[in-house]
Amino acid sequence: MFIGAMITGALVFGIWPEMWKSYGIMGGWLSAVIIIGLCWFMNHWLGLFSNPDGKIWIDQGMPIASAGIAWAIVRFGADFTDCLPTFFLLIIGGILGGIAAYYVKQHNPNFKT
């Protein structure tokens, strides 16, 4: 799981900004489709992330946010305290996503095991 998460974060912050700078909005969309699609296939379909039946799996958001924080610290020399708003928004987004997934599972019989 750690390897797949690391590859995802590295691809997002290594390739995506360069594609966006080179090709504009189309480069951003192309990166979204290629990078996130490739990483989703690698992590979830090939099984680098564990997907137990009936459970909600950890998605790629945490590794991408962690890589973004590390990228800001290493590349731009930001202090960790400068990255705390990103970290707190990550936590809030995870909580809201978990609540949304809970309600979808409760109200949609196709999602129940």
PDB file of N, CA and C in Angstrom:
ATOM      1  N   MET A   1       0.826  -1.185   0.000  1.00  0.00           N
ATOM      2  CA  MET A   1       0.000   0.000   0.000  1.00  0.00           C
ATOM      3  C   MET A   1       0.878   1.259   0.000  1.00  0.00           C
ATOM      4  N   PHE A   2       1.966   1.225   0.769  1.00  0.00           N
ATOM      5  CA  PHE A   2       2.841   2.384   0.860  1.00  0.00           C
ATOM      6  C   PHE A   2       3.461   2.715  -0.495  1.00  0.00           C
ATOM      7  N   ILE A   3       3.859   1.691  -1.244  1.00  0.00           N
ATOM      8  CA  ILE A   3       4.497   1.912  -2.550  1.00  0.00           C
ATOM      9  C   ILE A   3       3.501   2.562  -3.514  1.00  0.00           C
ATOM     10  N   GLY A   4       2.279   2.034  -3.582  1.00  0.00           N
ATOM     11  CA  GLY A   4       1.263   2.604  -4.467  1.00  0.00           C
ATOM     12  C   GLY A   4       0.926   4.036  -4.096  1.00  0.00           C
ATOM     13  N   ALA A   5       0.851   4.320  -2.792  1.00  0.00           N
ATOM     14  CA  ALA A   5       0.572   5.678  -2.336  1.00  0.00           C
ATOM     15  C   ALA A   5       1.715   6.615  -2.703  1.00  0.00           C
ATOM     16  N   MET A   6       2.940   6.139  -2.548  1.00  0.00           N
ATOM     17  CA  MET A   6       4.105   6.955  -2.861  1.00  0.00           C
ATOM     18  C   MET A   6       4.162   7.272  -4.360  1.00  0.00           C
ATOM     19  N   ILE A   7       3.890   6.282  -5.185  1.00  0.00           N
ATOM     20  CA  ILE A   7       3.908   6.495  -6.634  1.00  0.00           C
ATOM     21  C   ILE A   7       2.828   7.498  -7.036  1.00  0.00           C
ATOM     22  N   THR A   8       1.652   7.379  -6.432  1.00  0.00           N
ATOM     23  CA  THR A   8       0.554   8.299  -6.745  1.00  0.00           C
ATOM     24  C   THR A   8       0.941   9.740  -6.424  1.00  0.00           C
ATOM     25  N   GLY A   9       1.438   9.972  -5.219  1.00  0.00           N
ATOM     26  CA  GLY A   9       1.834  11.330  -4.828  1.00  0.00           C
ATOM     27  C   GLY A   9       2.946  11.876  -5.701  1.00  0.00           C
ATOM     28  N   ALA A  10       3.927  11.033  -6.027  1.00  0.00           N
ATOM     29  CA  ALA A  10       5.044  11.482  -6.855  1.00  0.00           C
ATOM     30  C   ALA A  10       4.577  11.849  -8.260  1.00  0.00           C
ATOM     31  N   LEU A  11       3.688  11.063  -8.836  1.00  0.00           N
ATOM     32  CA  LEU A  11       3.193  11.362 -10.180  1.00  0.00           C
ATOM     33  C   LEU A  11       2.366  12.645 -10.196  1.00  0.00           C
ATOM     34  N   VAL A  12       1.513  12.814  -9.178  1.00  0.00           N
ATOM     35  CA  VAL A  12       0.651  13.995  -9.146  1.00  0.00           C
ATOM     36  C   VAL A  12       1.479  15.269  -9.039  1.00  0.00           C
ATOM     37  N   PHE A  13       2.487  15.276  -8.170  1.00  0.00           N
ATOM     38  CA  PHE A  13       3.255  16.510  -7.991  1.00  0.00           C
ATOM     39  C   PHE A  13       4.483  16.584  -8.877  1.00  0.00           C
ATOM     40  N   GLY A  14       4.814  15.509  -9.574  1.00  0.00           N
ATOM     41  CA  GLY A  14       5.942  15.542 -10.486  1.00  0.00           C
ATOM     42  C   GLY A  14       5.546  15.857 -11.918  1.00  0.00           C
ATOM     43  N   ILE A  15       4.401  15.337 -12.349  1.00  0.00           N
ATOM     44  CA  ILE A  15       3.998  15.463 -13.746  1.00  0.00           C
ATOM     45  C   ILE A  15       2.876  16.483 -13.940  1.00  0.00           C
ATOM     46  N   TRP A  16       1.891  16.478 -13.060  1.00  0.00           N
ATOM     47  CA  TRP A  16       0.709  17.314 -13.238  1.00  0.00           C
ATOM     48  C   TRP A  16       1.054  18.803 -13.397  1.00  0.00           C
ATOM     49  N   PRO A  17       1.878  19.393 -12.508  1.00  0.00           N
ATOM     50  CA  PRO A  17       2.172  20.827 -12.690  1.00  0.00           C
ATOM     51  C   PRO A  17       2.869  21.134 -14.011  1.00  0.00           C
ATOM     52  N   GLU A  18       3.748  20.241 -14.438  1.00  0.00           N
ATOM     53  CA  GLU A  18       4.455  20.479 -15.700  1.00  0.00           C
ATOM     54  C   GLU A  18       3.509  20.368 -16.889  1.00  0.00           C
ATOM     55  N   MET A  19       2.585  19.430 -16.836  1.00  0.00           N
ATOM     56  CA  MET A  19       1.594  19.300 -17.912  1.00  0.00           C
ATOM     57  C   MET A  19       0.698  20.542 -17.955  1.00  0.00           C
ATOM     58  N   TRP A  20       0.321  21.031 -16.774  1.00  0.00           N
ATOM     59  CA  TRP A  20      -0.546  22.203 -16.726  1.00  0.00           C
ATOM     60  C   TRP A  20       0.191  23.432 -17.258  1.00  0.00           C
ATOM     61  N   LYS A  21       1.469  23.581 -16.881  1.00  0.00           N
ATOM     62  CA  LYS A  21       2.241  24.727 -17.363  1.00  0.00           C
ATOM     63  C   LYS A  21       2.478  24.650 -18.869  1.00  0.00           C
ATOM     64  N   SER A  22       2.681  23.444 -19.389  1.00  0.00           N
ATOM     65  CA  SER A  22       2.988  23.287 -20.810  1.00  0.00           C
ATOM     66  C   SER A  22       1.756  23.377 -21.695  1.00  0.00           C
ATOM     67  N   TYR A  23       0.647  22.768 -21.263  1.00  0.00           N
ATOM     68  CA  TYR A  23      -0.524  22.648 -22.135  1.00  0.00           C
ATOM     69  C   TYR A  23      -1.778  23.319 -21.588  1.00  0.00           C
ATOM     70  N   GLY A  24      -1.644  24.066 -20.515  1.00  0.00           N
ATOM     71  CA  GLY A  24      -2.778  24.808 -19.982  1.00  0.00           C
ATOM     72  C   GLY A  24      -3.838  23.901 -19.380  1.00  0.00           C
ATOM     73  N   ILE A  25      -5.073  24.329 -19.507  1.00  0.00           N
ATOM     74  CA  ILE A  25      -6.180  23.592 -18.906  1.00  0.00           C
ATOM     75  C   ILE A  25      -6.288  22.185 -19.493  1.00  0.00           C
ATOM     76  N   MET A  26      -6.036  22.044 -20.777  1.00  0.00           N
ATOM     77  CA  MET A  26      -6.096  20.717 -21.390  1.00  0.00           C
ATOM     78  C   MET A  26      -5.038  19.788 -20.782  1.00  0.00           C
ATOM     79  N   GLY A  27      -3.880  20.313 -20.465  1.00  0.00           N
ATOM     80  CA  GLY A  27      -2.845  19.515 -19.812  1.00  0.00           C
ATOM     81  C   GLY A  27      -3.268  19.078 -18.426  1.00  0.00           C
ATOM     82  N   GLY A  28      -3.986  19.945 -17.718  1.00  0.00           N
ATOM     83  CA  GLY A  28      -4.509  19.575 -16.402  1.00  0.00           C
ATOM     84  C   GLY A  28      -5.535  18.466 -16.491  1.00  0.00           C
ATOM     85  N   TRP A  29      -6.443  18.582 -17.452  1.00  0.00           N
ATOM     86  CA  TRP A  29      -7.455  17.534 -17.623  1.00  0.00           C
ATOM     87  C   TRP A  29      -6.830  16.222 -18.080  1.00  0.00           C
ATOM     88  N   LEU A  30      -5.882  16.332 -18.983  1.00  0.00           N
ATOM     89  CA  LEU A  30      -5.197  15.135 -19.465  1.00  0.00           C
ATOM     90  C   LEU A  30      -4.440  14.451 -18.321  1.00  0.00           C
ATOM     91  N   SER A  31      -3.786  15.243 -17.487  1.00  0.00           N
ATOM     92  CA  SER A  31      -3.094  14.687 -16.323  1.00  0.00           C
ATOM     93  C   SER A  31      -4.071  14.025 -15.371  1.00  0.00           C
ATOM     94  N   ALA A  32      -5.229  14.656 -15.159  1.00  0.00           N
ATOM     95  CA  ALA A  32      -6.223  14.071 -14.263  1.00  0.00           C
ATOM     96  C   ALA A  32      -6.649  12.698 -14.753  1.00  0.00           C
ATOM     97  N   VAL A  33      -6.915  12.604 -16.027  1.00  0.00           N
ATOM     98  CA  VAL A  33      -7.372  11.326 -16.576  1.00  0.00           C
ATOM     99  C   VAL A  33      -6.256  10.285 -16.552  1.00  0.00           C
ATOM    100  N   ILE A  34      -5.083  10.666 -17.025  1.00  0.00           N
ATOM    101  CA  ILE A  34      -3.998   9.690 -17.144  1.00  0.00           C
ATOM    102  C   ILE A  34      -3.423   9.320 -15.781  1.00  0.00           C
ATOM    103  N   ILE A  35      -3.043  10.310 -14.979  1.00  0.00           N
ATOM    104  CA  ILE A  35      -2.373  10.011 -13.712  1.00  0.00           C
ATOM    105  C   ILE A  35      -3.318   9.353 -12.723  1.00  0.00           C
ATOM    106  N   ILE A  36      -4.470   9.965 -12.494  1.00  0.00           N
ATOM    107  CA  ILE A  36      -5.395   9.403 -11.509  1.00  0.00           C
ATOM    108  C   ILE A  36      -5.955   8.080 -12.011  1.00  0.00           C
ATOM    109  N   GLY A  37      -6.248   7.981 -13.298  1.00  0.00           N
ATOM    110  CA  GLY A  37      -6.730   6.710 -13.847  1.00  0.00           C
ATOM    111  C   GLY A  37      -5.695   5.608 -13.725  1.00  0.00           C
ATOM    112  N   LEU A  38      -4.468   5.903 -14.075  1.00  0.00           N
ATOM    113  CA  LEU A  38      -3.393   4.919 -13.974  1.00  0.00           C
ATOM    114  C   LEU A  38      -3.163   4.503 -12.521  1.00  0.00           C
ATOM    115  N   CYS A  39      -3.139   5.482 -11.622  1.00  0.00           N
ATOM    116  CA  CYS A  39      -2.914   5.161 -10.212  1.00  0.00           C
ATOM    117  C   CYS A  39      -4.091   4.416  -9.606  1.00  0.00           C
ATOM    118  N   TRP A  40      -5.312   4.772  -9.994  1.00  0.00           N
ATOM    119  CA  TRP A  40      -6.465   4.025  -9.492  1.00  0.00           C
ATOM    120  C   TRP A  40      -6.387   2.576  -9.966  1.00  0.00           C
ATOM    121  N   PHE A  41      -6.071   2.378 -11.233  1.00  0.00           N
ATOM    122  CA  PHE A  41      -5.935   1.024 -11.765  1.00  0.00           C
ATOM    123  C   PHE A  41      -4.868   0.248 -11.001  1.00  0.00           C
ATOM    124  N   MET A  42      -3.718   0.878 -10.797  1.00  0.00           N
ATOM    125  CA  MET A  42      -2.613   0.212 -10.112  1.00  0.00           C
ATOM    126  C   MET A  42      -2.970  -0.084  -8.654  1.00  0.00           C
ATOM    127  N   ASN A  43      -3.532   0.887  -7.954  1.00  0.00           N
ATOM    128  CA  ASN A  43      -3.763   0.729  -6.520  1.00  0.00           C
ATOM    129  C   ASN A  43      -4.984  -0.107  -6.196  1.00  0.00           C
ATOM    130  N   HIS A  44      -6.070   0.081  -6.931  1.00  0.00           N
ATOM    131  CA  HIS A  44      -7.314  -0.594  -6.566  1.00  0.00           C
ATOM    132  C   HIS A  44      -7.579  -1.833  -7.409  1.00  0.00           C
ATOM    133  N   TRP A  45      -7.392  -1.744  -8.698  1.00  0.00           N
ATOM    134  CA  TRP A  45      -7.712  -2.886  -9.555  1.00  0.00           C
ATOM    135  C   TRP A  45      -6.661  -3.983  -9.429  1.00  0.00           C
ATOM    136  N   LEU A  46      -5.389  -3.601  -9.434  1.00  0.00           N
ATOM    137  CA  LEU A  46      -4.318  -4.588  -9.296  1.00  0.00           C
ATOM    138  C   LEU A  46      -4.093  -5.002  -7.846  1.00  0.00           C
ATOM    139  N   GLY A  47      -4.645  -4.246  -6.903  1.00  0.00           N
ATOM    140  CA  GLY A  47      -4.649  -4.678  -5.515  1.00  0.00           C
ATOM    141  C   GLY A  47      -3.521  -4.179  -4.640  1.00  0.00           C
ATOM    142  N   LEU A  48      -2.843  -3.084  -4.997  1.00  0.00           N
ATOM    143  CA  LEU A  48      -1.834  -2.547  -4.089  1.00  0.00           C
ATOM    144  C   LEU A  48      -2.477  -1.984  -2.830  1.00  0.00           C
ATOM    145  N   PHE A  49      -3.700  -1.452  -2.948  1.00  0.00           N
ATOM    146  CA  PHE A  49      -4.477  -1.064  -1.774  1.00  0.00           C
ATOM    147  C   PHE A  49      -5.431  -2.200  -1.474  1.00  0.00           C
ATOM    148  N   SER A  50      -5.560  -2.540  -0.219  1.00  0.00           N
ATOM    149  CA  SER A  50      -6.471  -3.611   0.186  1.00  0.00           C
ATOM    150  C   SER A  50      -7.917  -3.123   0.070  1.00  0.00           C
ATOM    151  N   ASN A  51      -8.753  -3.902  -0.605  1.00  0.00           N
ATOM    152  CA  ASN A  51     -10.165  -3.568  -0.773  1.00  0.00           C
ATOM    153  C   ASN A  51     -11.028  -4.674  -0.173  1.00  0.00           C
ATOM    154  N   PRO A  52     -11.183  -4.730   1.153  1.00  0.00           N
ATOM    155  CA  PRO A  52     -12.004  -5.793   1.736  1.00  0.00           C
ATOM    156  C   PRO A  52     -13.474  -5.613   1.368  1.00  0.00           C
ATOM    157  N   ASP A  53     -14.156  -6.726   1.142  1.00  0.00           N
ATOM    158  CA  ASP A  53     -15.574  -6.673   0.782  1.00  0.00           C
ATOM    159  C   ASP A  53     -16.392  -6.055   1.912  1.00  0.00           C
ATOM    160  N   GLY A  54     -17.286  -5.144   1.539  1.00  0.00           N
ATOM    161  CA  GLY A  54     -18.179  -4.530   2.505  1.00  0.00           C
ATOM    162  C   GLY A  54     -17.549  -3.416   3.321  1.00  0.00           C
ATOM    163  N   LYS A  55     -16.316  -3.080   3.069  1.00  0.00           N
ATOM    164  CA  LYS A  55     -15.629  -2.032   3.821  1.00  0.00           C
ATOM    165  C   LYS A  55     -15.295  -0.876   2.886  1.00  0.00           C
ATOM    166  N   ILE A  56     -15.163   0.296   3.438  1.00  0.00           N
ATOM    167  CA  ILE A  56     -14.743   1.457   2.669  1.00  0.00           C
ATOM    168  C   ILE A  56     -13.223   1.498   2.716  1.00  0.00           C
ATOM    169  N   TRP A  57     -12.594   1.552   1.551  1.00  0.00           N
ATOM    170  CA  TRP A  57     -11.141   1.521   1.509  1.00  0.00           C
ATOM    171  C   TRP A  57     -10.586   2.929   1.544  1.00  0.00           C
ATOM    172  N   ILE A  58      -9.341   3.032   1.965  1.00  0.00           N
ATOM    173  CA  ILE A  58      -8.653   4.320   1.975  1.00  0.00           C
ATOM    174  C   ILE A  58      -8.302   4.661   0.537  1.00  0.00           C
ATOM    175  N   ASP A  59      -8.695   5.817   0.123  1.00  0.00           N
ATOM    176  CA  ASP A  59      -8.465   6.192  -1.262  1.00  0.00           C
ATOM    177  C   ASP A  59      -7.138   6.917  -1.397  1.00  0.00           C
ATOM    178  N   GLN A  60      -6.915   7.544  -2.514  1.00  0.00           N
ATOM    179  CA  GLN A  60      -5.641   8.153  -2.841  1.00  0.00           C
ATOM    180  C   GLN A  60      -5.514   9.579  -2.326  1.00  0.00           C
ATOM    181  N   GLY A  61      -6.531  10.113  -1.676  1.00  0.00           N
ATOM    182  CA  GLY A  61      -6.499  11.503  -1.222  1.00  0.00           C
ATOM    183  C   GLY A  61      -5.431  11.782  -0.180  1.00  0.00           C
ATOM    184  N   MET A  62      -5.305  10.914   0.800  1.00  0.00           N
ATOM    185  CA  MET A  62      -4.309  11.118   1.855  1.00  0.00           C
ATOM    186  C   MET A  62      -2.879  11.066   1.307  1.00  0.00           C
ATOM    187  N   PRO A  63      -2.542  10.077   0.470  1.00  0.00           N
ATOM    188  CA  PRO A  63      -1.187  10.090  -0.089  1.00  0.00           C
ATOM    189  C   PRO A  63      -0.890  11.322  -0.947  1.00  0.00           C
ATOM    190  N   ILE A  64      -1.872  11.781  -1.707  1.00  0.00           N
ATOM    191  CA  ILE A  64      -1.652  12.963  -2.551  1.00  0.00           C
ATOM    192  C   ILE A  64      -1.475  14.204  -1.683  1.00  0.00           C
ATOM    193  N   ALA A  65      -2.290  14.344  -0.645  1.00  0.00           N
ATOM    194  CA  ALA A  65      -2.149  15.495   0.250  1.00  0.00           C
ATOM    195  C   ALA A  65      -0.826  15.445   1.011  1.00  0.00           C
ATOM    196  N   SER A  66      -0.419  14.275   1.449  1.00  0.00           N
ATOM    197  CA  SER A  66       0.862  14.136   2.149  1.00  0.00           C
ATOM    198  C   SER A  66       2.020  14.485   1.223  1.00  0.00           C
ATOM    199  N   ALA A  67       1.939  14.038  -0.021  1.00  0.00           N
ATOM    200  CA  ALA A  67       2.982  14.376  -0.987  1.00  0.00           C
ATOM    201  C   ALA A  67       2.987  15.876  -1.266  1.00  0.00           C
ATOM    202  N   GLY A  68       1.821  16.497  -1.275  1.00  0.00           N
ATOM    203  CA  GLY A  68       1.740  17.941  -1.491  1.00  0.00           C
ATOM    204  C   GLY A  68       2.376  18.726  -0.357  1.00  0.00           C
ATOM    205  N   ILE A  69       2.160  18.271   0.869  1.00  0.00           N
ATOM    206  CA  ILE A  69       2.780  18.928   2.014  1.00  0.00           C
ATOM    207  C   ILE A  69       4.302  18.777   1.939  1.00  0.00           C
ATOM    208  N   ALA A  70       4.762  17.558   1.651  1.00  0.00           N
ATOM    209  CA  ALA A  70       6.211  17.327   1.525  1.00  0.00           C
ATOM    210  C   ALA A  70       6.796  18.143   0.376  1.00  0.00           C
ATOM    211  N   TRP A  71       6.059  18.244  -0.719  1.00  0.00           N
ATOM    212  CA  TRP A  71       6.506  19.011  -1.885  1.00  0.00           C
ATOM    213  C   TRP A  71       6.665  20.483  -1.532  1.00  0.00           C
ATOM    214  N   ALA A  72       5.702  21.028  -0.786  1.00  0.00           N
ATOM    215  CA  ALA A  72       5.769  22.433  -0.387  1.00  0.00           C
ATOM    216  C   ALA A  72       6.958  22.687   0.530  1.00  0.00           C
ATOM    217  N   ILE A  73       7.226  21.752   1.419  1.00  0.00           N
ATOM    218  CA  ILE A  73       8.338  21.928   2.354  1.00  0.00           C
ATOM    219  C   ILE A  73       9.676  21.810   1.634  1.00  0.00           C
ATOM    220  N   VAL A  74       9.811  20.782   0.791  1.00  0.00           N
ATOM    221  CA  VAL A  74      11.093  20.532   0.133  1.00  0.00           C
ATOM    222  C   VAL A  74      11.355  21.510  -1.007  1.00  0.00           C
ATOM    223  N   ARG A  75      10.394  21.701  -1.877  1.00  0.00           N
ATOM    224  CA  ARG A  75      10.636  22.512  -3.080  1.00  0.00           C
ATOM    225  C   ARG A  75      10.588  24.010  -2.817  1.00  0.00           C
ATOM    226  N   PHE A  76       9.655  24.432  -1.978  1.00  0.00           N
ATOM    227  CA  PHE A  76       9.468  25.866  -1.768  1.00  0.00           C
ATOM    228  C   PHE A  76       9.971  26.350  -0.418  1.00  0.00           C
ATOM    229  N   GLY A  77      10.465  25.440   0.422  1.00  0.00           N
ATOM    230  CA  GLY A  77      10.998  25.832   1.720  1.00  0.00           C
ATOM    231  C   GLY A  77       9.945  26.302   2.696  1.00  0.00           C
ATOM    232  N   ALA A  78       8.716  25.844   2.533  1.00  0.00           N
ATOM    233  CA  ALA A  78       7.637  26.250   3.434  1.00  0.00           C
ATOM    234  C   ALA A  78       7.828  25.596   4.800  1.00  0.00           C
ATOM    235  N   ASP A  79       7.399  26.274   5.833  1.00  0.00           N
ATOM    236  CA  ASP A  79       7.388  25.679   7.170  1.00  0.00           C
ATOM    237  C   ASP A  79       6.213  24.712   7.264  1.00  0.00           C
ATOM    238  N   PHE A  80       6.336  23.747   8.153  1.00  0.00           N
ATOM    239  CA  PHE A  80       5.230  22.807   8.330  1.00  0.00           C
ATOM    240  C   PHE A  80       3.968  23.531   8.777  1.00  0.00           C
ATOM    241  N   THR A  81       4.125  24.595   9.560  1.00  0.00           N
ATOM    242  CA  THR A  81       2.946  25.336  10.017  1.00  0.00           C
ATOM    243  C   THR A  81       2.209  26.002   8.852  1.00  0.00           C
ATOM    244  N   ASP A  82       2.928  26.300   7.774  1.00  0.00           N
ATOM    245  CA  ASP A  82       2.268  26.847   6.584  1.00  0.00           C
ATOM    246  C   ASP A  82       1.380  25.802   5.914  1.00  0.00           C
ATOM    247  N   CYS A  83       1.669  24.536   6.133  1.00  0.00           N
ATOM    248  CA  CYS A  83       0.932  23.441   5.505  1.00  0.00           C
ATOM    249  C   CYS A  83      -0.238  22.957   6.346  1.00  0.00           C
ATOM    250  N   LEU A  84      -0.382  23.471   7.566  1.00  0.00           N
ATOM    251  CA  LEU A  84      -1.462  22.998   8.445  1.00  0.00           C
ATOM    252  C   LEU A  84      -2.862  23.242   7.885  1.00  0.00           C
ATOM    253  N   PRO A  85      -3.142  24.381   7.219  1.00  0.00           N
ATOM    254  CA  PRO A  85      -4.479  24.521   6.629  1.00  0.00           C
ATOM    255  C   PRO A  85      -4.808  23.402   5.635  1.00  0.00           C
ATOM    256  N   THR A  86      -3.826  23.004   4.832  1.00  0.00           N
ATOM    257  CA  THR A  86      -4.041  21.891   3.907  1.00  0.00           C
ATOM    258  C   THR A  86      -4.340  20.610   4.665  1.00  0.00           C
ATOM    259  N   PHE A  87      -3.600  20.375   5.731  1.00  0.00           N
ATOM    260  CA  PHE A  87      -3.799  19.171   6.525  1.00  0.00           C
ATOM    261  C   PHE A  87      -5.188  19.158   7.162  1.00  0.00           C
ATOM    262  N   PHE A  88      -5.624  20.293   7.706  1.00  0.00           N
ATOM    263  CA  PHE A  88      -6.945  20.343   8.332  1.00  0.00           C
ATOM    264  C   PHE A  88      -8.063  20.196   7.293  1.00  0.00           C
ATOM    265  N   LEU A  89      -7.889  20.778   6.121  1.00  0.00           N
ATOM    266  CA  LEU A  89      -8.891  20.599   5.063  1.00  0.00           C
ATOM    267  C   LEU A  89      -8.937  19.154   4.588  1.00  0.00           C
ATOM    268  N   LEU A  90      -7.795  18.493   4.587  1.00  0.00           N
ATOM    269  CA  LEU A  90      -7.750  17.069   4.257  1.00  0.00           C
ATOM    270  C   LEU A  90      -8.578  16.265   5.259  1.00  0.00           C
ATOM    271  N   ILE A  91      -8.423  16.560   6.530  1.00  0.00           N
ATOM    272  CA  ILE A  91      -9.181  15.856   7.561  1.00  0.00           C
ATOM    273  C   ILE A  91     -10.678  16.133   7.412  1.00  0.00           C
ATOM    274  N   ILE A  92     -11.047  17.388   7.185  1.00  0.00           N
ATOM    275  CA  ILE A  92     -12.465  17.735   7.012  1.00  0.00           C
ATOM    276  C   ILE A  92     -13.032  17.042   5.776  1.00  0.00           C
ATOM    277  N   GLY A  93     -12.278  17.033   4.670  1.00  0.00           N
ATOM    278  CA  GLY A  93     -12.736  16.351   3.460  1.00  0.00           C
ATOM    279  C   GLY A  93     -12.905  14.854   3.682  1.00  0.00           C
ATOM    280  N   GLY A  94     -11.995  14.244   4.416  1.00  0.00           N
ATOM    281  CA  GLY A  94     -12.117  12.820   4.723  1.00  0.00           C
ATOM    282  C   GLY A  94     -13.351  12.522   5.564  1.00  0.00           C
ATOM    283  N   ILE A  95     -13.621  13.367   6.543  1.00  0.00           N
ATOM    284  CA  ILE A  95     -14.809  13.182   7.384  1.00  0.00           C
ATOM    285  C   ILE A  95     -16.076  13.333   6.549  1.00  0.00           C
ATOM    286  N   LEU A  96     -16.140  14.383   5.718  1.00  0.00           N
ATOM    287  CA  LEU A  96     -17.326  14.588   4.876  1.00  0.00           C
ATOM    288  C   LEU A  96     -17.496  13.443   3.873  1.00  0.00           C
ATOM    289  N   GLY A  97     -16.387  12.966   3.298  1.00  0.00           N
ATOM    290  CA  GLY A  97     -16.463  11.828   2.387  1.00  0.00           C
ATOM    291  C   GLY A  97     -16.942  10.568   3.084  1.00  0.00           C
ATOM    292  N   GLY A  98     -16.475  10.345   4.308  1.00  0.00           N
ATOM    293  CA  GLY A  98     -16.927   9.191   5.081  1.00  0.00           C
ATOM    294  C   GLY A  98     -18.411   9.268   5.414  1.00  0.00           C
ATOM    295  N   ILE A  99     -18.876  10.452   5.781  1.00  0.00           N
ATOM    296  CA  ILE A  99     -20.307  10.634   6.067  1.00  0.00           C
ATOM    297  C   ILE A  99     -21.131  10.397   4.809  1.00  0.00           C
ATOM    298  N   ALA A 100     -20.689  10.954   3.680  1.00  0.00           N
ATOM    299  CA  ALA A 100     -21.409  10.751   2.421  1.00  0.00           C
ATOM    300  C   ALA A 100     -21.436   9.274   2.041  1.00  0.00           C
ATOM    301  N   ALA A 101     -20.311   8.585   2.189  1.00  0.00           N
ATOM    302  CA  ALA A 101     -20.267   7.156   1.859  1.00  0.00           C
ATOM    303  C   ALA A 101     -21.175   6.354   2.781  1.00  0.00           C
ATOM    304  N   TYR A 102     -21.250   6.732   4.052  1.00  0.00           N
ATOM    305  CA  TYR A 102     -22.129   6.039   5.002  1.00  0.00           C
ATOM    306  C   TYR A 102     -23.587   6.171   4.563  1.00  0.00           C
ATOM    307  N   TYR A 103     -24.005   7.382   4.205  1.00  0.00           N
ATOM    308  CA  TYR A 103     -25.392   7.579   3.793  1.00  0.00           C
ATOM    309  C   TYR A 103     -25.704   6.898   2.468  1.00  0.00           C
ATOM    310  N   VAL A 104     -24.758   6.885   1.557  1.00  0.00           N
ATOM    311  CA  VAL A 104     -24.980   6.174   0.290  1.00  0.00           C
ATOM    312  C   VAL A 104     -25.157   4.692   0.558  1.00  0.00           C
ATOM    313  N   LYS A 105     -24.320   4.125   1.432  1.00  0.00           N
ATOM    314  CA  LYS A 105     -24.433   2.700   1.760  1.00  0.00           C
ATOM    315  C   LYS A 105     -25.750   2.381   2.454  1.00  0.00           C
ATOM    316  N   GLN A 106     -26.226   3.296   3.277  1.00  0.00           N
ATOM    317  CA  GLN A 106     -27.461   3.059   4.012  1.00  0.00           C
ATOM    318  C   GLN A 106     -28.696   3.137   3.124  1.00  0.00           C
ATOM    319  N   HIS A 107     -28.679   4.023   2.140  1.00  0.00           N
ATOM    320  CA  HIS A 107     -29.871   4.287   1.346  1.00  0.00           C
ATOM    321  C   HIS A 107     -29.866   3.673  -0.041  1.00  0.00           C
ATOM    322  N   ASN A 108     -28.795   3.040  -0.438  1.00  0.00           N
ATOM    323  CA  ASN A 108     -28.733   2.401  -1.749  1.00  0.00           C
ATOM    324  C   ASN A 108     -28.482   0.919  -1.549  1.00  0.00           C
ATOM    325  N   PRO A 109     -29.480   0.079  -1.806  1.00  0.00           N
ATOM    326  CA  PRO A 109     -29.317  -1.356  -1.539  1.00  0.00           C
ATOM    327  C   PRO A 109     -28.212  -2.013  -2.373  1.00  0.00           C
ATOM    328  N   ASN A 110     -27.809  -1.422  -3.486  1.00  0.00           N
ATOM    329  CA  ASN A 110     -26.742  -2.019  -4.297  1.00  0.00           C
ATOM    330  C   ASN A 110     -25.386  -1.943  -3.626  1.00  0.00           C
ATOM    331  N   PHE A 111     -25.230  -1.054  -2.639  1.00  0.00           N
ATOM    332  CA  PHE A 111     -23.944  -0.897  -1.966  1.00  0.00           C
ATOM    333  C   PHE A 111     -23.829  -1.758  -0.716  1.00  0.00           C
ATOM    334  N   LYS A 112     -24.901  -2.450  -0.329  1.00  0.00           N
ATOM    335  CA  LYS A 112     -24.853  -3.267   0.872  1.00  0.00           C
ATOM    336  C   LYS A 112     -24.402  -4.670   0.519  1.00  0.00           C
ATOM    337  N   THR A 113     -23.665  -5.297   1.442  1.00  0.00           N
ATOM    338  CA  THR A 113     -23.202  -6.671   1.197  1.00  0.00           C
ATOM    339  C   THR A 113     -24.234  -7.654   1.690  1.00  0.00           C
TER     340      THR A 113
END
